[in-house]
Amino acid sequence: PPKPVSSAVKEAFYKKRCNLKALFSGDDPWRLE
């Protein structure tokens, strides 16, 4: 059943950012640099 995303999930997302497009170049999407 649809429901708004929790604030805890939002907080976790913004604390752990990544770039999915880095997968196309073979890079690690989680690397901060």
ModelCIF file with pLDDT and N, C-alpha, C, O atoms, coordinates in Angstrom:
data_MODEL
#
_entry.id   MODEL 
#
_entity.id                         1 
_entity.type                       polymer 
_entity.pdbx_number_of_molecules   1 
#
_entity_poly.entity_id                      1 
_entity_poly.type                           'polypeptide(L)' 
_entity_poly.nstd_linkage                   no 
_entity_poly.nstd_monomer                   no 
_entity_poly.pdbx_seq_one_letter_code       PPKPVSSAVKEAFYKKRCNLKALFSGDDPWRLE 
_entity_poly.pdbx_seq_one_letter_code_can   PPKPVSSAVKEAFYKKRCNLKALFSGDDPWRLE 
_entity_poly.pdbx_strand_id                 A 
#
loop_
_entity_poly_seq.entity_id 
_entity_poly_seq.num 
_entity_poly_seq.mon_id 
_entity_poly_seq.hetero 
1 1  PRO n 
1 2  PRO n 
1 3  LYS n 
1 4  PRO n 
1 5  VAL n 
1 6  SER n 
1 7  SER n 
1 8  ALA n 
1 9  VAL n 
1 10 LYS n 
1 11 GLU n 
1 12 ALA n 
1 13 PHE n 
1 14 TYR n 
1 15 LYS n 
1 16 LYS n 
1 17 ARG n 
1 18 CYS n 
1 19 ASN n 
1 20 LEU n 
1 21 LYS n 
1 22 ALA n 
1 23 LEU n 
1 24 PHE n 
1 25 SER n 
1 26 GLY n 
1 27 ASP n 
1 28 ASP n 
1 29 PRO n 
1 30 TRP n 
1 31 ARG n 
1 32 LEU n 
1 33 GLU n 
#
_struct_asym.id          A 
_struct_asym.entity_id   1 
#
loop_
_ma_qa_metric.id 
_ma_qa_metric.mode 
_ma_qa_metric.name 
_ma_qa_metric.software_group_id 
_ma_qa_metric.type 
1 global pLDDT . pLDDT 
2 local  pLDDT . pLDDT 
#
_ma_qa_metric_global.metric_id      1 
_ma_qa_metric_global.metric_value   91.88 
_ma_qa_metric_global.model_id       1 
_ma_qa_metric_global.ordinal_id     1 
#
loop_
_ma_qa_metric_local.label_asym_id 
_ma_qa_metric_local.label_comp_id 
_ma_qa_metric_local.label_seq_id 
_ma_qa_metric_local.metric_id 
_ma_qa_metric_local.metric_value 
_ma_qa_metric_local.model_id 
_ma_qa_metric_local.ordinal_id 
A PRO 1  2 96.00 1 1  
A PRO 2  2 93.00 1 2  
A LYS 3  2 93.00 1 3  
A PRO 4  2 93.00 1 4  
A VAL 5  2 94.00 1 5  
A SER 6  2 95.00 1 6  
A SER 7  2 95.00 1 7  
A ALA 8  2 96.00 1 8  
A VAL 9  2 97.00 1 9  
A LYS 10 2 96.00 1 10 
A GLU 11 2 97.00 1 11 
A ALA 12 2 97.00 1 12 
A PHE 13 2 97.00 1 13 
A TYR 14 2 95.00 1 14 
A LYS 15 2 94.00 1 15 
A LYS 16 2 93.00 1 16 
A ARG 17 2 92.00 1 17 
A CYS 18 2 92.00 1 18 
A ASN 19 2 92.00 1 19 
A LEU 20 2 94.00 1 20 
A LYS 21 2 92.00 1 21 
A ALA 22 2 92.00 1 22 
A LEU 23 2 93.00 1 23 
A PHE 24 2 93.00 1 24 
A SER 25 2 89.00 1 25 
A GLY 26 2 89.00 1 26 
A ASP 27 2 89.00 1 27 
A ASP 28 2 91.00 1 28 
A PRO 29 2 93.00 1 29 
A TRP 30 2 92.00 1 30 
A ARG 31 2 86.00 1 31 
A LEU 32 2 69.00 1 32 
A GLU 33 2 73.00 1 33 
#
loop_
_atom_site.group_PDB 
_atom_site.id 
_atom_site.type_symbol 
_atom_site.label_atom_id 
_atom_site.label_alt_id 
_atom_site.label_comp_id 
_atom_site.label_asym_id 
_atom_site.label_entity_id 
_atom_site.label_seq_id 
_atom_site.pdbx_PDB_ins_code 
_atom_site.Cartn_x 
_atom_site.Cartn_y 
_atom_site.Cartn_z 
_atom_site.occupancy 
_atom_site.B_iso_or_equiv 
_atom_site.pdbx_formal_charge 
_atom_site.auth_seq_id 
_atom_site.auth_comp_id 
_atom_site.auth_asym_id 
_atom_site.auth_atom_id 
_atom_site.pdbx_PDB_model_num 
ATOM 1   N N  . PRO A 1 1  ? 0.826  -1.215 0.000   1.00 96.00 ? 1  PRO A N  1 
ATOM 2   C CA . PRO A 1 1  ? 0.000  0.000  0.000   1.00 96.00 ? 1  PRO A CA 1 
ATOM 3   C C  . PRO A 1 1  ? 0.857  1.262  0.000   1.00 96.00 ? 1  PRO A C  1 
ATOM 4   O O  . PRO A 1 1  ? 1.807  1.357  0.778   1.00 96.00 ? 1  PRO A O  1 
ATOM 5   N N  . PRO A 1 2  ? 0.538  2.240  -0.866  1.00 93.00 ? 2  PRO A N  1 
ATOM 6   C CA . PRO A 1 2  ? 1.353  3.463  -0.955  1.00 93.00 ? 2  PRO A CA 1 
ATOM 7   C C  . PRO A 1 2  ? 1.429  4.205  0.364   1.00 93.00 ? 2  PRO A C  1 
ATOM 8   O O  . PRO A 1 2  ? 0.453  4.291  1.109   1.00 93.00 ? 2  PRO A O  1 
ATOM 9   N N  . LYS A 1 3  ? 2.617  4.743  0.637   1.00 93.00 ? 3  LYS A N  1 
ATOM 10  C CA . LYS A 1 3  ? 2.823  5.565  1.828   1.00 93.00 ? 3  LYS A CA 1 
ATOM 11  C C  . LYS A 1 3  ? 4.052  6.426  1.601   1.00 93.00 ? 3  LYS A C  1 
ATOM 12  O O  . LYS A 1 3  ? 4.946  6.037  0.850   1.00 93.00 ? 3  LYS A O  1 
ATOM 13  N N  . PRO A 1 4  ? 4.114  7.597  2.240   1.00 93.00 ? 4  PRO A N  1 
ATOM 14  C CA . PRO A 1 4  ? 5.296  8.462  2.085   1.00 93.00 ? 4  PRO A CA 1 
ATOM 15  C C  . PRO A 1 4  ? 6.548  7.771  2.617   1.00 93.00 ? 4  PRO A C  1 
ATOM 16  O O  . PRO A 1 4  ? 6.486  6.970  3.549   1.00 93.00 ? 4  PRO A O  1 
ATOM 17  N N  . VAL A 1 5  ? 7.675  8.095  2.011   1.00 94.00 ? 5  VAL A N  1 
ATOM 18  C CA . VAL A 1 5  ? 8.929  7.541  2.488   1.00 94.00 ? 5  VAL A CA 1 
ATOM 19  C C  . VAL A 1 5  ? 9.252  8.144  3.857   1.00 94.00 ? 5  VAL A C  1 
ATOM 20  O O  . VAL A 1 5  ? 8.974  9.319  4.099   1.00 94.00 ? 5  VAL A O  1 
ATOM 21  N N  . SER A 1 6  ? 9.823  7.362  4.732   1.00 95.00 ? 6  SER A N  1 
ATOM 22  C CA . SER A 1 6  ? 10.088 7.840  6.079   1.00 95.00 ? 6  SER A CA 1 
ATOM 23  C C  . SER A 1 6  ? 11.256 8.816  6.097   1.00 95.00 ? 6  SER A C  1 
ATOM 24  O O  . SER A 1 6  ? 12.095 8.812  5.197   1.00 95.00 ? 6  SER A O  1 
ATOM 25  N N  . SER A 1 7  ? 11.301 9.643  7.118   1.00 95.00 ? 7  SER A N  1 
ATOM 26  C CA . SER A 1 7  ? 12.400 10.591 7.268   1.00 95.00 ? 7  SER A CA 1 
ATOM 27  C C  . SER A 1 7  ? 13.724 9.864  7.491   1.00 95.00 ? 7  SER A C  1 
ATOM 28  O O  . SER A 1 7  ? 14.780 10.365 7.107   1.00 95.00 ? 7  SER A O  1 
ATOM 29  N N  . ALA A 1 8  ? 13.670 8.674  8.116   1.00 96.00 ? 8  ALA A N  1 
ATOM 30  C CA . ALA A 1 8  ? 14.890 7.896  8.355   1.00 96.00 ? 8  ALA A CA 1 
ATOM 31  C C  . ALA A 1 8  ? 15.505 7.429  7.043   1.00 96.00 ? 8  ALA A C  1 
ATOM 32  O O  . ALA A 1 8  ? 16.728 7.423  6.903   1.00 96.00 ? 8  ALA A O  1 
ATOM 33  N N  . VAL A 1 9  ? 14.677 7.039  6.085   1.00 97.00 ? 9  VAL A N  1 
ATOM 34  C CA . VAL A 1 9  ? 15.179 6.602  4.779   1.00 97.00 ? 9  VAL A CA 1 
ATOM 35  C C  . VAL A 1 9  ? 15.781 7.790  4.029   1.00 97.00 ? 9  VAL A C  1 
ATOM 36  O O  . VAL A 1 9  ? 16.843 7.667  3.420   1.00 97.00 ? 9  VAL A O  1 
ATOM 37  N N  . LYS A 1 10 ? 15.112 8.924  4.074   1.00 96.00 ? 10 LYS A N  1 
ATOM 38  C CA . LYS A 1 10 ? 15.654 10.129 3.422   1.00 96.00 ? 10 LYS A CA 1 
ATOM 39  C C  . LYS A 1 10 ? 17.006 10.504 4.019   1.00 96.00 ? 10 LYS A C  1 
ATOM 40  O O  . LYS A 1 10 ? 17.952 10.816 3.295   1.00 96.00 ? 10 LYS A O  1 
ATOM 41  N N  . GLU A 1 11 ? 17.085 10.470 5.325   1.00 97.00 ? 11 GLU A N  1 
ATOM 42  C CA . GLU A 1 11 ? 18.336 10.831 5.992   1.00 97.00 ? 11 GLU A CA 1 
ATOM 43  C C  . GLU A 1 11 ? 19.455 9.876  5.589   1.00 97.00 ? 11 GLU A C  1 
ATOM 44  O O  . GLU A 1 11 ? 20.582 10.304 5.337   1.00 97.00 ? 11 GLU A O  1 
ATOM 45  N N  . ALA A 1 12 ? 19.144 8.587  5.529   1.00 97.00 ? 12 ALA A N  1 
ATOM 46  C CA . ALA A 1 12 ? 20.151 7.598  5.139   1.00 97.00 ? 12 ALA A CA 1 
ATOM 47  C C  . ALA A 1 12 ? 20.598 7.806  3.696   1.00 97.00 ? 12 ALA A C  1 
ATOM 48  O O  . ALA A 1 12 ? 21.773 7.636  3.373   1.00 97.00 ? 12 ALA A O  1 
ATOM 49  N N  . PHE A 1 13 ? 19.660 8.171  2.834   1.00 97.00 ? 13 PHE A N  1 
ATOM 50  C CA . PHE A 1 13 ? 19.996 8.415  1.427   1.00 97.00 ? 13 PHE A CA 1 
ATOM 51  C C  . PHE A 1 13 ? 20.982 9.572  1.292   1.00 97.00 ? 13 PHE A C  1 
ATOM 52  O O  . PHE A 1 13 ? 21.976 9.458  0.575   1.00 97.00 ? 13 PHE A O  1 
ATOM 53  N N  . TYR A 1 14 ? 20.715 10.674 1.969   1.00 95.00 ? 14 TYR A N  1 
ATOM 54  C CA . TYR A 1 14 ? 21.569 11.854 1.825   1.00 95.00 ? 14 TYR A CA 1 
ATOM 55  C C  . TYR A 1 14 ? 22.901 11.713 2.560   1.00 95.00 ? 14 TYR A C  1 
ATOM 56  O O  . TYR A 1 14 ? 23.844 12.456 2.286   1.00 95.00 ? 14 TYR A O  1 
ATOM 57  N N  . LYS A 1 15 ? 22.979 10.771 3.484   1.00 94.00 ? 15 LYS A N  1 
ATOM 58  C CA . LYS A 1 15 ? 24.247 10.508 4.155   1.00 94.00 ? 15 LYS A CA 1 
ATOM 59  C C  . LYS A 1 15 ? 25.145 9.588  3.332   1.00 94.00 ? 15 LYS A C  1 
ATOM 60  O O  . LYS A 1 15 ? 26.357 9.536  3.542   1.00 94.00 ? 15 LYS A O  1 
ATOM 61  N N  . LYS A 1 16 ? 24.533 8.863  2.394   1.00 93.00 ? 16 LYS A N  1 
ATOM 62  C CA . LYS A 1 16 ? 25.278 7.878  1.593   1.00 93.00 ? 16 LYS A CA 1 
ATOM 63  C C  . LYS A 1 16 ? 24.928 8.066  0.123   1.00 93.00 ? 16 LYS A C  1 
ATOM 64  O O  . LYS A 1 16 ? 24.109 7.338  -0.437  1.00 93.00 ? 16 LYS A O  1 
ATOM 65  N N  . ARG A 1 17 ? 25.570 9.063  -0.491  1.00 92.00 ? 17 ARG A N  1 
ATOM 66  C CA . ARG A 1 17 ? 25.279 9.386  -1.886  1.00 92.00 ? 17 ARG A CA 1 
ATOM 67  C C  . ARG A 1 17 ? 26.109 8.524  -2.831  1.00 92.00 ? 17 ARG A C  1 
ATOM 68  O O  . ARG A 1 17 ? 27.162 8.006  -2.457  1.00 92.00 ? 17 ARG A O  1 
ATOM 69  N N  . CYS A 1 18 ? 25.624 8.380  -4.049  1.00 92.00 ? 18 CYS A N  1 
ATOM 70  C CA . CYS A 1 18 ? 26.364 7.649  -5.071  1.00 92.00 ? 18 CYS A CA 1 
ATOM 71  C C  . CYS A 1 18 ? 25.989 8.195  -6.440  1.00 92.00 ? 18 CYS A C  1 
ATOM 72  O O  . CYS A 1 18 ? 25.082 9.017  -6.569  1.00 92.00 ? 18 CYS A O  1 
ATOM 73  N N  . ASN A 1 19 ? 26.688 7.735  -7.445  1.00 92.00 ? 19 ASN A N  1 
ATOM 74  C CA . ASN A 1 19 ? 26.420 8.116  -8.829  1.00 92.00 ? 19 ASN A CA 1 
ATOM 75  C C  . ASN A 1 19 ? 26.285 6.859  -9.667  1.00 92.00 ? 19 ASN A C  1 
ATOM 76  O O  . ASN A 1 19 ? 27.277 6.202  -9.982  1.00 92.00 ? 19 ASN A O  1 
ATOM 77  N N  . LEU A 1 20 ? 25.052 6.528  -10.027 1.00 94.00 ? 20 LEU A N  1 
ATOM 78  C CA . LEU A 1 20 ? 24.803 5.305  -10.777 1.00 94.00 ? 20 LEU A CA 1 
ATOM 79  C C  . LEU A 1 20 ? 25.487 5.297  -12.139 1.00 94.00 ? 20 LEU A C  1 
ATOM 80  O O  . LEU A 1 20 ? 25.906 4.241  -12.615 1.00 94.00 ? 20 LEU A O  1 
ATOM 81  N N  . LYS A 1 21 ? 25.604 6.466  -12.772 1.00 92.00 ? 21 LYS A N  1 
ATOM 82  C CA . LYS A 1 21 ? 26.183 6.519  -14.113 1.00 92.00 ? 21 LYS A CA 1 
ATOM 83  C C  . LYS A 1 21 ? 27.659 6.119  -14.125 1.00 92.00 ? 21 LYS A C  1 
ATOM 84  O O  . LYS A 1 21 ? 28.207 5.788  -15.176 1.00 92.00 ? 21 LYS A O  1 
ATOM 85  N N  . ALA A 1 22 ? 28.301 6.151  -12.950 1.00 92.00 ? 22 ALA A N  1 
ATOM 86  C CA . ALA A 1 22 ? 29.699 5.725  -12.884 1.00 92.00 ? 22 ALA A CA 1 
ATOM 87  C C  . ALA A 1 22 ? 29.843 4.255  -13.255 1.00 92.00 ? 22 ALA A C  1 
ATOM 88  O O  . ALA A 1 22 ? 30.933 3.821  -13.628 1.00 92.00 ? 22 ALA A O  1 
ATOM 89  N N  . LEU A 1 23 ? 28.759 3.477  -13.159 1.00 93.00 ? 23 LEU A N  1 
ATOM 90  C CA . LEU A 1 23 ? 28.815 2.074  -13.528 1.00 93.00 ? 23 LEU A CA 1 
ATOM 91  C C  . LEU A 1 23 ? 29.158 1.894  -14.999 1.00 93.00 ? 23 LEU A C  1 
ATOM 92  O O  . LEU A 1 23 ? 29.786 0.903  -15.373 1.00 93.00 ? 23 LEU A O  1 
ATOM 93  N N  . PHE A 1 24 ? 28.752 2.844  -15.835 1.00 93.00 ? 24 PHE A N  1 
ATOM 94  C CA . PHE A 1 24 ? 29.012 2.721  -17.268 1.00 93.00 ? 24 PHE A CA 1 
ATOM 95  C C  . PHE A 1 24 ? 30.500 2.866  -17.612 1.00 93.00 ? 24 PHE A C  1 
ATOM 96  O O  . PHE A 1 24 ? 30.956 2.346  -18.631 1.00 93.00 ? 24 PHE A O  1 
ATOM 97  N N  . SER A 1 25 ? 31.238 3.558  -16.778 1.00 89.00 ? 25 SER A N  1 
ATOM 98  C CA . SER A 1 25 ? 32.665 3.735  -17.027 1.00 89.00 ? 25 SER A CA 1 
ATOM 99  C C  . SER A 1 25 ? 33.516 2.759  -16.211 1.00 89.00 ? 25 SER A C  1 
ATOM 100 O O  . SER A 1 25 ? 34.745 2.816  -16.245 1.00 89.00 ? 25 SER A O  1 
ATOM 101 N N  . GLY A 1 26 ? 32.854 1.874  -15.485 1.00 89.00 ? 26 GLY A N  1 
ATOM 102 C CA . GLY A 1 26 ? 33.572 0.890  -14.684 1.00 89.00 ? 26 GLY A CA 1 
ATOM 103 C C  . GLY A 1 26 ? 34.092 1.427  -13.378 1.00 89.00 ? 26 GLY A C  1 
ATOM 104 O O  . GLY A 1 26 ? 34.891 0.765  -12.714 1.00 89.00 ? 26 GLY A O  1 
ATOM 105 N N  . ASP A 1 27 ? 33.655 2.625  -12.985 1.00 89.00 ? 27 ASP A N  1 
ATOM 106 C CA . ASP A 1 27 ? 34.090 3.216  -11.728 1.00 89.00 ? 27 ASP A CA 1 
ATOM 107 C C  . ASP A 1 27 ? 33.172 2.785  -10.583 1.00 89.00 ? 27 ASP A C  1 
ATOM 108 O O  . ASP A 1 27 ? 32.060 2.303  -10.803 1.00 89.00 ? 27 ASP A O  1 
ATOM 109 N N  . ASP A 1 28 ? 33.656 2.967  -9.382  1.00 91.00 ? 28 ASP A N  1 
ATOM 110 C CA . ASP A 1 28 ? 32.868 2.661  -8.192  1.00 91.00 ? 28 ASP A CA 1 
ATOM 111 C C  . ASP A 1 28 ? 31.921 3.823  -7.922  1.00 91.00 ? 28 ASP A C  1 
ATOM 112 O O  . ASP A 1 28 ? 32.378 4.930  -7.637  1.00 91.00 ? 28 ASP A O  1 
ATOM 113 N N  . PRO A 1 29 ? 30.606 3.596  -8.006  1.00 93.00 ? 29 PRO A N  1 
ATOM 114 C CA . PRO A 1 29 ? 29.650 4.696  -7.809  1.00 93.00 ? 29 PRO A CA 1 
ATOM 115 C C  . PRO A 1 29 ? 29.631 5.264  -6.402  1.00 93.00 ? 29 PRO A C  1 
ATOM 116 O O  . PRO A 1 29 ? 29.042 6.319  -6.170  1.00 93.00 ? 29 PRO A O  1 
ATOM 117 N N  . TRP A 1 30 ? 30.267 4.580  -5.461  1.00 92.00 ? 30 TRP A N  1 
ATOM 118 C CA . TRP A 1 30 ? 30.270 5.021  -4.074  1.00 92.00 ? 30 TRP A CA 1 
ATOM 119 C C  . TRP A 1 30 ? 31.522 5.812  -3.707  1.00 92.00 ? 30 TRP A C  1 
ATOM 120 O O  . TRP A 1 30 ? 31.598 6.353  -2.603  1.00 92.00 ? 30 TRP A O  1 
ATOM 121 N N  . ARG A 1 31 ? 32.486 5.892  -4.586  1.00 86.00 ? 31 ARG A N  1 
ATOM 122 C CA . ARG A 1 31 ? 33.729 6.587  -4.264  1.00 86.00 ? 31 ARG A CA 1 
ATOM 123 C C  . ARG A 1 31 ? 33.507 8.094  -4.173  1.00 86.00 ? 31 ARG A C  1 
ATOM 124 O O  . ARG A 1 31 ? 33.068 8.724  -5.135  1.00 86.00 ? 31 ARG A O  1 
ATOM 125 N N  . LEU A 1 32 ? 33.808 8.655  -3.031  1.00 69.00 ? 32 LEU A N  1 
ATOM 126 C CA . LEU A 1 32 ? 33.546 10.069 -2.785  1.00 69.00 ? 32 LEU A CA 1 
ATOM 127 C C  . LEU A 1 32 ? 34.330 10.972 -3.725  1.00 69.00 ? 32 LEU A C  1 
ATOM 128 O O  . LEU A 1 32 ? 33.847 12.040 -4.102  1.00 69.00 ? 32 LEU A O  1 
ATOM 129 N N  . GLU A 1 33 ? 35.536 10.556 -4.108  1.00 73.00 ? 33 GLU A N  1 
ATOM 130 C CA . GLU A 1 33 ? 36.353 11.419 -4.963  1.00 73.00 ? 33 GLU A CA 1 
ATOM 131 C C  . GLU A 1 33 ? 35.778 11.560 -6.364  1.00 73.00 ? 33 GLU A C  1 
ATOM 132 O O  . GLU A 1 33 ? 36.354 12.255 -7.201  1.00 73.00 ? 33 GLU A O  1 
#
